[in-house]
């Protein structure tokens, strides 16, 4: 069917462009499938229509699926001034996180990013290393008490471990216990956010539905507990080296002002959510991939034995574990924790890839498919850590690998997460043979992060 040509008049040039191709009919009528099988549905759209797909949700609301690295570079970097994070995304995430780094734009975001950035510099990460290592070693001691060959769900174990690490490095309180009020409330909040983001016609928060009442109670619990920690720390400063201490000490260079209690609350919630769920999901899939590729596990353990010489993965040793870093990067490519980056909305008419992008379009930068794009990844479904050898990385466009986002909004905690993940992988693989239980189902649960739906069942056998 021929595509209708539409005149596009702009203050830069006058050009004639067509809208991106896509399915007929409104997505609203197939929303059940989009909610239950988003990867399969959007993957079909990509393969059928190409790297830029227009998905009409309802009259006046269009989503544009973007899967090419050049598009991501355009939206996030070279023409970032033409796009903002969409209100649809900000309102859903902001319900639990408030106006934090992940849910803000403009001058507010820039000022907070500037205040928070020093807390994630290498000099500060060195101070947090010992806390991380202590958490990992504590888990290893637990596992050593288990009977040889006992089956565990390592996906659940990684969630518990990363939540303990992020809470202790953030504000020196362990919230990883099953009965912890804050942990339970955060789980409720995250589930609510996913429902809001995948059901655009859900009743607003003020409507007294069961889910809304449950969420409001969870949000009160989160705010109360975190504000108590912040206010207690202001009144009685400690010598604890954690991110909250660094954020409390941060001052604007021009005004000399720091963050208010409410601003700190929002940033703490943002860091808890971003700092454990995504890392735990990536680690869970890494163990699953290692279980199906024993030759990779063997090479990883050989490097560990050679570099660490039986000692712990200290901060200065981590950069020497180059193969483990490649394993982690490849796992993050093949099994990213998220399907896409935070959606952007076009503030004005634009052009991408020869197609017209009307003002108000919501751009879904679907990195899950970019990370599998056959134009840039040979045998994209194959697990191959050596894709990340320096000479092979240099042959690819930078924006083809963006699990951390891109442009000025790139993840502030990237170095934190990489250090944490490499430490966990090396410490556990040094001590145990982690073997995947055979014939277990492997399926992605697309709710919020792309977790293994049935967990990852493994057995542990001591190496040394």
Protein backbone atom coordinates (compact mmCIF):
# COMPACT_ATOMS: atom_id res chain seq x y z
CA UNK A 1 0.00 0.00 0.00
CA UNK A 2 1.49 3.38 -0.94
CA UNK A 3 2.32 5.69 1.97
CA UNK A 4 0.65 9.08 2.05
CA UNK A 5 3.04 11.96 1.66
CA UNK A 6 2.64 14.72 4.21
CA UNK A 7 4.03 18.23 3.92
CA UNK A 8 6.18 19.20 6.87
CA UNK A 9 6.95 22.89 7.32
CA UNK A 10 9.56 23.78 9.86
CA UNK A 11 11.71 26.74 10.75
CA UNK A 12 14.80 24.85 9.51
CA UNK A 13 13.79 23.41 6.14
CA UNK A 14 10.70 22.50 4.18
CA UNK A 15 10.59 18.79 3.32
CA UNK A 16 8.08 16.13 2.36
CA UNK A 17 8.12 13.11 4.64
CA UNK A 18 5.94 10.12 5.38
CA UNK A 19 4.94 8.79 8.76
CA UNK A 20 6.70 5.63 9.94
CA UNK A 21 4.99 2.41 8.86
CA UNK A 22 2.91 0.41 11.30
CA UNK A 23 -0.24 -1.63 11.89
CA UNK A 24 -3.72 -0.37 11.18
CA UNK A 25 -6.20 -0.04 14.03
CA UNK A 26 -5.61 1.13 17.56
CA UNK A 27 -3.30 -0.61 20.00
CA UNK A 28 -5.90 -0.01 22.71
CA UNK A 29 -7.84 -2.99 21.38
CA UNK A 30 -4.87 -5.35 21.65
CA UNK A 31 -3.63 -4.00 24.98
CA UNK A 32 -4.04 -7.38 26.70
CA UNK A 33 -1.38 -8.90 24.46
CA UNK A 34 0.92 -5.91 24.82
CA UNK A 35 0.68 -6.23 28.62
CA UNK A 36 1.13 -10.00 28.78
CA UNK A 37 3.59 -10.51 25.88
CA UNK A 38 5.30 -7.16 25.22
CA UNK A 39 8.58 -8.64 23.94
CA UNK A 40 6.86 -10.95 21.48
CA UNK A 41 4.38 -8.34 20.25
CA UNK A 42 6.88 -5.51 19.79
CA UNK A 43 9.39 -7.95 18.29
CA UNK A 44 6.80 -8.85 15.66
CA UNK A 45 6.27 -5.16 14.91
CA UNK A 46 10.01 -4.64 14.48
CA UNK A 47 10.47 -7.61 12.14
CA UNK A 48 7.37 -6.73 10.11
CA UNK A 49 7.77 -2.97 9.73
CA UNK A 50 11.44 -2.16 10.35
CA UNK A 51 13.51 0.00 12.68
CA UNK A 52 10.92 2.76 13.14
CA UNK A 53 7.31 1.67 13.72
CA UNK A 54 4.28 3.85 14.38
CA UNK A 55 1.88 2.26 16.88
CA UNK A 56 -1.41 4.19 17.20
CA UNK A 57 -2.65 3.57 20.75
CA UNK A 58 -5.84 5.64 20.55
CA UNK A 59 -6.93 8.82 18.77
CA UNK A 60 -4.32 11.48 19.51
CA UNK A 61 -1.82 9.10 21.13
CA UNK A 62 0.91 7.44 19.05
CA UNK A 63 3.93 5.42 20.16
CA UNK A 64 6.91 5.18 17.82
CA UNK A 65 9.01 2.05 18.35
CA UNK A 66 12.69 2.80 17.68
CA UNK A 67 15.27 0.03 17.40
CA UNK A 68 18.19 1.53 15.42
CA UNK A 69 21.23 2.97 17.25
CA UNK A 70 21.20 6.06 15.02
CA UNK A 71 17.69 6.85 16.24
CA UNK A 72 18.76 6.55 19.87
CA UNK A 73 21.72 8.85 19.21
CA UNK A 74 19.38 11.38 17.60
CA UNK A 75 16.83 11.34 20.45
CA UNK A 76 19.22 11.18 23.40
CA UNK A 77 22.24 13.18 22.22
CA UNK A 78 22.40 15.12 18.97
CA UNK A 79 18.79 16.38 19.09
CA UNK A 80 17.97 15.84 22.75
CA UNK A 81 16.58 19.39 22.98
CA UNK A 82 13.59 18.28 20.89
CA UNK A 83 12.55 15.58 23.37
CA UNK A 84 11.51 15.27 27.00
CA UNK A 85 10.65 12.27 29.11
CA UNK A 86 6.95 11.64 28.59
CA UNK A 87 4.41 12.66 31.23
CA UNK A 88 2.93 9.17 30.96
CA UNK A 89 6.23 7.75 32.22
CA UNK A 90 7.00 10.54 34.70
CA UNK A 91 3.57 10.37 36.34
CA UNK A 92 3.71 6.59 36.77
CA UNK A 93 7.27 6.48 38.13
CA UNK A 94 6.81 9.69 40.09
CA UNK A 95 3.93 8.15 42.03
CA UNK A 96 6.44 6.10 44.01
CA UNK A 97 9.74 7.97 43.48
CA UNK A 98 8.60 11.58 43.45
CA UNK A 99 10.72 14.13 41.58
CA UNK A 100 14.09 12.39 41.60
CA UNK A 101 16.88 12.03 39.05
CA UNK A 102 14.93 9.41 37.10
CA UNK A 103 11.67 11.36 37.01
CA UNK A 104 12.72 14.94 36.40
CA UNK A 105 13.87 17.13 33.53
CA UNK A 106 15.35 20.54 32.85
CA UNK A 107 17.08 22.71 35.41
CA UNK A 108 15.81 20.69 38.39
CA UNK A 109 17.36 17.53 36.95
CA UNK A 110 20.64 19.30 36.11
CA UNK A 111 21.03 20.75 39.60
CA UNK A 112 20.29 17.43 41.31
CA UNK A 113 22.55 15.50 38.95
CA UNK A 114 25.35 17.93 39.77
CA UNK A 115 24.75 17.52 43.50
CA UNK A 116 24.58 13.73 43.38
CA UNK A 117 27.36 13.01 40.85
CA UNK A 118 30.34 13.30 43.28
CA UNK A 119 28.86 10.50 45.42
CA UNK A 120 29.48 8.11 42.52
CA UNK A 121 33.04 9.14 41.69
CA UNK A 122 35.75 6.50 42.01
CA UNK A 123 37.12 7.96 45.25
CA UNK A 124 33.73 7.43 46.89
CA UNK A 125 33.19 3.98 45.37
CA UNK A 126 36.45 2.83 46.94
CA UNK A 127 34.94 3.69 50.35
CA UNK A 128 31.84 1.60 49.61
CA UNK A 129 33.79 -1.41 48.34
CA UNK A 130 34.31 -2.91 51.80
CA UNK A 131 30.58 -2.75 52.56
CA UNK A 132 29.77 -4.57 49.32
CA UNK A 133 32.45 -7.19 49.92
CA UNK A 134 31.20 -7.82 53.45
CA UNK A 135 27.68 -8.46 52.14
CA UNK A 136 28.92 -10.92 49.51
CA UNK A 137 31.12 -12.75 52.01
CA UNK A 138 28.19 -12.98 54.44
CA UNK A 139 26.07 -14.67 51.75
CA UNK A 140 28.90 -17.07 50.92
CA UNK A 141 29.16 -18.08 54.59
CA UNK A 142 25.41 -18.79 54.57
CA UNK A 143 25.76 -20.97 51.49
CA UNK A 144 28.71 -22.85 52.99
CA UNK A 145 26.41 -24.05 55.78
CA UNK A 146 24.00 -25.61 53.28
CA UNK A 147 24.21 -29.31 52.43
CA UNK A 148 26.38 -30.03 49.40
CA UNK A 149 24.31 -29.99 46.24
CA UNK A 150 21.23 -28.33 47.77
CA UNK A 151 19.03 -26.59 45.20
CA UNK A 152 18.61 -22.83 45.61
CA UNK A 153 16.94 -20.13 43.52
CA UNK A 154 19.93 -17.94 42.74
CA UNK A 155 17.65 -15.27 41.22
CA UNK A 156 15.99 -14.75 44.61
CA UNK A 157 19.38 -14.85 46.31
CA UNK A 158 20.71 -12.13 44.03
CA UNK A 159 17.68 -9.95 44.80
CA UNK A 160 18.23 -10.37 48.53
CA UNK A 161 21.95 -9.68 48.20
CA UNK A 162 21.66 -6.58 46.01
CA UNK A 163 18.92 -5.13 48.22
CA UNK A 164 21.18 -5.61 51.25
CA UNK A 165 24.09 -3.99 49.42
CA UNK A 166 22.12 -0.98 48.17
CA UNK A 167 20.46 -0.31 51.54
CA UNK A 168 23.72 -0.60 53.51
CA UNK A 169 25.75 1.48 51.05
CA UNK A 170 22.93 4.01 50.78
CA UNK A 171 21.97 4.58 54.42
CA UNK A 172 23.65 1.86 56.53
CA UNK A 173 20.41 -0.04 57.24
CA UNK A 174 19.76 -3.60 56.03
CA UNK A 175 16.24 -3.88 54.58
CA UNK A 176 16.76 -7.22 52.81
CA UNK A 177 14.81 -9.35 55.30
CA UNK A 178 11.52 -10.87 54.12
CA UNK A 179 9.62 -9.22 56.98
CA UNK A 180 11.07 -5.75 56.46
CA UNK A 181 8.31 -3.16 56.08
CA UNK A 182 10.24 -0.98 53.65
CA UNK A 183 11.07 -3.89 51.35
CA UNK A 184 7.44 -5.02 51.26
CA UNK A 185 6.19 -1.49 50.55
CA UNK A 186 8.73 -1.01 47.76
CA UNK A 187 7.60 -4.25 46.07
CA UNK A 188 4.00 -3.04 46.21
CA UNK A 189 5.01 0.31 44.78
CA UNK A 190 6.94 -1.19 41.86
CA UNK A 191 4.06 -3.49 40.94
CA UNK A 192 1.71 -0.53 40.96
CA UNK A 193 4.00 1.48 38.66
CA UNK A 194 4.10 -1.36 36.13
CA UNK A 195 0.31 -1.62 36.09
CA UNK A 196 0.00 2.12 35.55
CA UNK A 197 2.53 2.15 32.69
CA UNK A 198 0.87 -0.73 30.84
CA UNK A 199 -2.75 0.29 31.40
CA UNK A 200 -3.21 3.90 30.21
CA UNK A 201 -6.93 3.92 31.09
CA UNK A 202 -6.46 2.85 34.72
CA UNK A 203 -8.47 4.89 37.23
CA UNK A 204 -6.50 7.85 38.65
CA UNK A 205 -4.88 7.44 42.05
CA UNK A 206 -7.64 9.31 43.90
CA UNK A 207 -10.26 6.73 42.89
CA UNK A 208 -10.60 4.36 45.91
CA UNK A 209 -9.94 1.06 44.12
CA UNK A 210 -8.27 -1.78 46.02
CA UNK A 211 -5.00 -1.33 44.10
CA UNK A 212 -4.98 2.43 44.65
CA UNK A 213 -5.65 2.08 48.38
CA UNK A 214 -2.92 -0.57 48.66
CA UNK A 215 -0.46 1.66 46.84
CA UNK A 216 -1.27 4.76 48.92
CA UNK A 217 -0.63 2.79 52.10
CA UNK A 218 2.66 1.46 50.72
CA UNK A 219 3.75 4.96 49.70
CA UNK A 220 3.00 6.28 53.22
CA UNK A 221 5.14 3.49 54.67
CA UNK A 222 8.04 4.21 52.29
CA UNK A 223 7.97 7.95 52.97
CA UNK A 224 7.66 7.53 56.75
CA UNK A 225 10.56 5.09 57.13
CA UNK A 226 12.95 6.87 54.77
CA UNK A 227 12.17 10.34 56.19
CA UNK A 228 12.82 9.00 59.70
CA UNK A 229 16.26 7.80 58.57
CA UNK A 230 17.05 11.15 56.91
CA UNK A 231 15.90 13.28 59.85
CA UNK A 232 17.68 11.08 62.35
CA UNK A 233 20.89 11.41 60.35
CA UNK A 234 20.55 15.20 60.22
CA UNK A 235 20.05 15.39 63.99
CA UNK A 236 22.71 12.83 64.86
CA UNK A 237 25.37 12.66 62.14
CA UNK A 238 27.42 9.46 62.13
CA UNK A 239 30.81 8.50 60.79
CA UNK A 240 29.23 5.88 58.53
CA UNK A 241 30.55 6.06 54.98
CA UNK A 242 27.42 5.78 52.87
CA UNK A 243 25.72 7.56 49.99
CA UNK A 244 23.23 9.34 52.26
CA UNK A 245 26.09 11.00 54.14
CA UNK A 246 27.54 12.17 50.84
CA UNK A 247 24.17 13.47 49.63
CA UNK A 248 23.56 15.27 52.94
CA UNK A 249 26.94 16.98 52.60
CA UNK A 250 26.40 18.00 48.96
CA UNK A 251 25.97 21.76 48.47
CA UNK A 252 25.26 23.84 45.38
CA UNK A 253 28.44 25.71 44.42
CA UNK A 254 26.57 28.95 43.72
CA UNK A 255 23.87 29.04 46.41
CA UNK A 256 25.48 26.88 49.08
CA UNK A 257 22.16 25.07 49.49
CA UNK A 258 21.77 21.32 49.83
CA UNK A 259 18.79 19.05 49.26
CA UNK A 260 15.69 19.30 51.42
CA UNK A 261 14.39 16.26 53.32
CA UNK A 262 11.74 15.72 50.63
CA UNK A 263 14.32 15.95 47.83
CA UNK A 264 16.58 13.49 49.65
CA UNK A 265 13.61 11.17 50.14
CA UNK A 266 12.93 11.09 46.41
CA UNK A 267 16.57 10.45 45.55
CA UNK A 268 16.89 7.68 48.15
CA UNK A 269 13.81 5.89 46.81
CA UNK A 270 15.10 6.30 43.26
CA UNK A 271 18.48 4.82 44.19
CA UNK A 272 16.94 1.89 46.06
CA UNK A 273 14.70 0.98 43.13
CA UNK A 274 17.37 1.48 40.47
CA UNK A 275 20.18 0.05 42.56
CA UNK A 276 18.98 -3.46 43.29
CA UNK A 277 16.25 -4.74 40.96
CA UNK A 278 18.09 -4.17 37.68
CA UNK A 279 21.40 -5.51 39.02
CA UNK A 280 19.74 -8.57 40.54
CA UNK A 281 17.96 -9.32 37.27
CA UNK A 282 21.18 -9.06 35.25
CA UNK A 283 23.03 -11.32 37.71
CA UNK A 284 20.24 -13.90 37.66
CA UNK A 285 20.45 -14.17 33.87
CA UNK A 286 24.26 -14.24 34.04
CA UNK A 287 24.16 -17.34 36.26
CA UNK A 288 21.62 -18.91 33.91
CA UNK A 289 23.87 -18.24 30.92
CA UNK A 290 26.95 -19.52 32.73
CA UNK A 291 25.01 -22.69 33.61
CA UNK A 292 24.36 -23.38 29.93
CA UNK A 293 27.92 -22.45 28.90
CA UNK A 294 30.26 -24.38 31.23
CA UNK A 295 33.26 -23.53 29.05
CA UNK A 296 32.69 -19.83 29.82
CA UNK A 297 32.41 -20.60 33.54
CA UNK A 298 35.66 -22.58 33.39
CA UNK A 299 37.51 -19.72 31.68
CA UNK A 300 36.07 -17.27 34.19
CA UNK A 301 37.23 -19.38 37.13
CA UNK A 302 40.68 -19.77 35.61
CA UNK A 303 40.99 -15.98 35.45
CA UNK A 304 39.75 -15.66 39.04
CA UNK A 305 42.32 -18.16 40.29
CA UNK A 306 45.12 -16.46 38.36
CA UNK A 307 44.26 -12.88 39.38
CA UNK A 308 43.00 -13.29 42.92
CA UNK A 309 45.36 -16.09 44.00
CA UNK A 310 42.85 -17.24 46.61
CA UNK A 311 42.30 -13.75 48.01
CA UNK A 312 39.18 -11.56 47.91
CA UNK A 313 38.18 -9.44 44.89
CA UNK A 314 39.67 -6.20 46.17
CA UNK A 315 39.04 -2.88 44.44
CA UNK A 316 42.46 -2.85 42.79
CA UNK A 317 42.03 -6.41 41.47
CA UNK A 318 38.66 -5.89 39.78
CA UNK A 319 40.05 -4.14 36.65
CA UNK A 320 42.31 -7.15 36.07
CA UNK A 321 39.29 -9.47 35.77
CA UNK A 322 38.86 -8.56 32.12
CA UNK A 323 37.14 -11.77 31.02
CA UNK A 324 34.56 -11.49 33.81
CA UNK A 325 33.82 -7.94 32.65
CA UNK A 326 33.23 -9.26 29.13
CA UNK A 327 30.94 -11.97 30.51
CA UNK A 328 28.95 -9.34 32.39
CA UNK A 329 28.72 -7.01 29.39
CA UNK A 330 27.58 -9.83 27.10
CA UNK A 331 24.99 -10.99 29.63
CA UNK A 332 23.71 -7.43 29.84
CA UNK A 333 23.45 -7.36 26.04
CA UNK A 334 21.64 -10.66 25.64
CA UNK A 335 19.47 -10.35 28.76
CA UNK A 336 19.07 -6.66 29.61
CA UNK A 337 16.99 -5.91 32.70
CA UNK A 338 14.70 -3.59 30.75
CA UNK A 339 13.05 -3.66 27.36
CA UNK A 340 13.58 0.02 26.63
CA UNK A 341 14.83 3.32 27.97
CA UNK A 342 12.54 5.89 29.56
CA UNK A 343 10.16 6.95 26.77
CA UNK A 344 10.56 10.43 25.28
CA UNK A 345 7.91 12.73 23.85
CA UNK A 346 8.57 14.91 20.80
CA UNK A 347 8.24 18.59 21.79
CA UNK A 348 8.05 19.62 18.12
CA UNK A 349 7.77 18.04 14.68
CA UNK A 350 10.96 16.18 13.82
CA UNK A 351 12.47 13.81 11.27
CA UNK A 352 14.16 10.50 12.05
CA UNK A 353 15.44 8.05 9.48
CA UNK A 354 13.59 9.81 6.68
CA UNK A 355 10.25 9.68 8.49
CA UNK A 356 8.16 12.45 9.99
CA UNK A 357 7.77 12.38 13.77
CA UNK A 358 4.79 14.56 14.70
CA UNK A 359 4.85 16.68 17.82
CA UNK A 360 3.46 14.76 20.78
CA UNK A 361 4.62 11.33 19.56
CA UNK A 362 5.98 9.09 22.32
CA UNK A 363 9.32 7.53 21.33
CA UNK A 364 10.00 4.08 22.76
CA UNK A 365 13.76 3.47 22.43
CA UNK A 366 13.56 -0.32 22.52
CA UNK A 367 17.16 -1.24 23.35
CA UNK A 368 16.22 -4.92 23.83
CA UNK A 369 16.00 -5.20 20.05
CA UNK A 370 18.91 -2.84 19.32
CA UNK A 371 21.08 -5.20 21.37
CA UNK A 372 20.00 -8.00 19.01
CA UNK A 373 20.08 -6.03 15.78
CA UNK A 374 21.58 -8.32 13.10
CA UNK A 375 23.13 -5.36 11.26
CA UNK A 376 25.47 -4.81 14.22
CA UNK A 377 25.71 -8.15 16.07
CA UNK A 378 26.80 -11.34 14.32
CA UNK A 379 24.70 -14.31 15.50
CA UNK A 380 22.90 -11.99 17.93
CA UNK A 381 21.22 -14.77 19.95
CA UNK A 382 24.56 -16.45 20.72
CA UNK A 383 26.27 -15.86 24.08
CA UNK A 384 29.80 -14.73 23.19
CA UNK A 385 31.72 -12.69 25.79
CA UNK A 386 34.51 -12.01 23.29
CA UNK A 387 32.20 -9.62 21.44
CA UNK A 388 33.53 -7.17 24.01
CA UNK A 389 37.20 -7.53 23.21
CA UNK A 390 38.47 -3.97 22.63
CA UNK A 391 39.15 -4.46 18.91
CA UNK A 392 35.60 -5.74 18.31
CA UNK A 393 33.99 -2.99 20.38
CA UNK A 394 35.85 -0.41 18.26
CA UNK A 395 34.14 -1.75 15.12
CA UNK A 396 30.61 -1.02 16.38
CA UNK A 397 28.77 2.29 16.75
CA UNK A 398 28.84 3.39 20.38
CA UNK A 399 25.07 3.78 20.55
CA UNK A 400 24.42 0.15 19.58
CA UNK A 401 25.23 -0.84 23.19
CA UNK A 402 23.19 1.35 25.54
CA UNK A 403 21.96 -0.77 28.47
CA UNK A 404 22.88 2.16 30.73
CA UNK A 405 21.07 4.76 28.62
CA UNK A 406 22.81 7.50 26.71
CA UNK A 407 23.38 11.21 26.48
CA UNK A 408 23.39 13.36 29.60
CA UNK A 409 20.85 11.03 31.29
CA UNK A 410 23.18 8.02 31.27
CA UNK A 411 22.80 5.99 34.47
CA UNK A 412 24.54 7.77 37.35
CA UNK A 413 25.12 4.46 39.13
CA UNK A 414 26.78 2.58 36.26
CA UNK A 415 30.22 2.30 37.92
CA UNK A 416 28.58 1.30 41.21
CA UNK A 417 26.63 -1.50 39.50
CA UNK A 418 29.62 -2.75 37.50
CA UNK A 419 31.84 -2.90 40.59
CA UNK A 420 29.12 -4.64 42.58
CA UNK A 421 28.35 -7.19 39.85
CA UNK A 422 31.96 -8.11 39.15
CA UNK A 423 32.61 -8.53 42.85
CA UNK A 424 29.59 -10.81 43.27
CA UNK A 425 30.38 -12.94 40.23
CA UNK A 426 34.06 -13.35 41.08
CA UNK A 427 33.57 -14.03 44.82
CA UNK A 428 30.89 -16.68 44.24
CA UNK A 429 32.59 -18.38 41.27
CA UNK A 430 35.83 -18.46 43.26
CA UNK A 431 34.16 -20.42 46.08
CA UNK A 432 31.51 -22.55 44.33
CA UNK A 433 30.76 -24.59 41.27
CA UNK A 434 27.33 -23.22 40.35
CA UNK A 435 25.47 -25.83 38.30
CA UNK A 436 22.15 -25.20 36.61
CA UNK A 437 19.38 -27.64 37.45
CA UNK A 438 18.44 -29.35 34.20
CA UNK A 439 15.08 -29.17 32.43
CA UNK A 440 13.81 -26.09 34.25
CA UNK A 441 11.60 -23.66 32.31
CA UNK A 442 13.26 -20.51 31.02
CA UNK A 443 10.79 -17.68 30.51
CA UNK A 444 10.91 -13.92 30.86
CA UNK A 445 8.55 -12.16 33.25
CA UNK A 446 8.11 -8.73 31.62
CA UNK A 447 6.67 -6.97 34.66
CA UNK A 448 8.84 -3.89 35.17
CA UNK A 449 12.22 -5.62 34.80
CA UNK A 450 12.74 -8.66 32.56
CA UNK A 451 13.25 -11.17 35.37
CA UNK A 452 13.40 -14.96 34.94
CA UNK A 453 9.75 -15.86 35.52
CA UNK A 454 10.48 -19.16 37.27
CA UNK A 455 13.71 -18.13 38.93
CA UNK A 456 17.06 -19.79 38.23
CA UNK A 457 17.50 -23.06 40.15
CA UNK A 458 21.08 -24.13 40.76
CA UNK A 459 23.12 -26.41 42.99
CA UNK A 460 26.24 -25.30 44.84
CA UNK A 461 29.39 -27.36 45.30
CA UNK A 462 32.46 -26.00 47.11
CA UNK A 463 35.56 -25.51 44.98
CA UNK A 464 38.13 -24.79 47.67
